[in-house]
Amino acid sequence: MKLINHFVNGEHFKGQNANTVEVFNPATGDVTAEVALASQQETEEAIRIAAEALPDWSKTPPLKRARVMFKFKELLEANLDALAAM
């Protein structure tokens, strides 16, 4: 079964918690993967990292932020089938 790990600060990692939850395909009800649950410490660390990144992101000019978001949209659309298969 495919395991979906955490993604924080540009890095994938498994985490310390061995607990997972199932991911279901809403169209079929089939289990397609498992998602690793984060510990409280990992969750707090992810929140801290995101909060630290916010001031720099907020200072980024709106046009550049829009370009980043549109690039993200393009990547999502280009990889839609692979993402749906997860």
Protein backbone atom coordinates (compact mmCIF):
# COMPACT_ATOMS: atom_id res chain seq x y z
CA MET A 1 0.00 0.00 0.00
CA LYS A 2 1.31 3.44 -0.88
CA LEU A 3 2.24 5.60 2.11
CA ILE A 4 1.93 9.38 1.81
CA ASN A 5 4.44 11.02 4.15
CA HIS A 6 4.72 14.57 5.44
CA PHE A 7 5.98 17.48 3.33
CA VAL A 8 7.30 20.42 5.31
CA ASN A 9 9.74 23.15 4.32
CA GLY A 10 10.36 21.57 0.92
CA GLU A 11 11.21 18.13 2.30
CA HIS A 12 9.38 14.80 2.53
CA PHE A 13 9.75 12.85 5.77
CA LYS A 14 8.10 9.89 7.44
CA GLY A 15 7.71 11.33 10.91
CA GLN A 16 7.85 9.69 14.32
CA ASN A 17 4.23 8.60 14.62
CA ALA A 18 3.56 5.09 13.28
CA ASN A 19 -0.19 5.74 13.00
CA THR A 20 -1.80 6.17 9.59
CA VAL A 21 -5.26 6.72 8.14
CA GLU A 22 -6.63 5.30 4.92
CA VAL A 23 -7.22 7.40 1.81
CA PHE A 24 -10.34 6.45 -0.11
CA ASN A 25 -11.23 7.01 -3.75
CA PRO A 26 -14.56 8.84 -3.40
CA ALA A 27 -15.84 7.44 -6.69
CA THR A 28 -15.26 3.78 -5.82
CA GLY A 29 -14.73 3.65 -2.08
CA ASP A 30 -11.48 1.75 -2.66
CA VAL A 31 -8.55 2.39 -0.34
CA THR A 32 -5.81 3.91 -2.49
CA ALA A 33 -3.15 4.89 0.06
CA GLU A 34 -2.38 5.60 3.67
CA VAL A 35 -1.42 8.98 5.12
CA ALA A 36 1.06 9.18 7.97
CA LEU A 37 -0.29 11.05 10.98
CA ALA A 38 1.93 13.68 12.55
CA SER A 39 2.79 13.85 16.22
CA GLN A 40 1.88 16.97 18.17
CA GLN A 41 5.56 18.01 18.09
CA GLU A 42 5.76 17.56 14.29
CA THR A 43 2.54 19.52 13.84
CA GLU A 44 3.79 22.36 16.02
CA GLU A 45 7.12 22.40 14.15
CA ALA A 46 5.34 22.58 10.77
CA ILE A 47 3.20 25.47 12.04
CA ARG A 48 6.32 27.25 13.35
CA ILE A 49 8.11 26.85 10.01
CA ALA A 50 5.08 28.13 8.10
CA ALA A 51 4.75 31.11 10.44
CA GLU A 52 8.44 31.95 9.95
CA ALA A 53 8.02 31.85 6.16
CA LEU A 54 4.97 34.13 6.15
CA PRO A 55 6.74 37.50 6.63
CA ASP A 56 9.01 36.97 3.61
CA TRP A 57 6.11 35.69 1.49
CA SER A 58 4.05 38.73 2.57
CA LYS A 59 6.85 41.05 1.41
CA THR A 60 6.91 39.39 -2.02
CA PRO A 61 5.34 41.71 -4.61
CA PRO A 62 1.82 40.65 -5.65
CA LEU A 63 2.87 40.12 -9.27
CA LYS A 64 5.61 37.67 -8.25
CA ARG A 65 3.23 35.86 -5.86
CA ALA A 66 0.72 35.56 -8.69
CA ARG A 67 3.41 34.09 -10.97
CA VAL A 68 4.32 31.52 -8.32
CA MET A 69 0.67 30.55 -7.83
CA PHE A 70 0.05 30.28 -11.59
CA LYS A 71 3.16 28.10 -11.94
CA PHE A 72 1.79 25.90 -9.17
CA LYS A 73 -1.52 25.70 -11.05
CA GLU A 74 0.32 24.71 -14.24
CA LEU A 75 2.22 21.98 -12.40
CA LEU A 76 -1.01 20.66 -10.87
CA GLU A 77 -2.69 20.54 -14.26
CA ALA A 78 0.34 18.92 -15.93
CA ASN A 79 0.46 16.20 -13.28
CA LEU A 80 -3.26 15.75 -12.72
CA ASP A 81 -3.31 12.07 -13.67
CA ALA A 82 -0.41 11.22 -11.37
CA LEU A 83 -1.96 13.18 -8.52
CA ALA A 84 -5.33 11.52 -9.05
CA ALA A 85 -3.65 8.11 -8.95
CA MET A 86 -2.37 8.84 -5.45
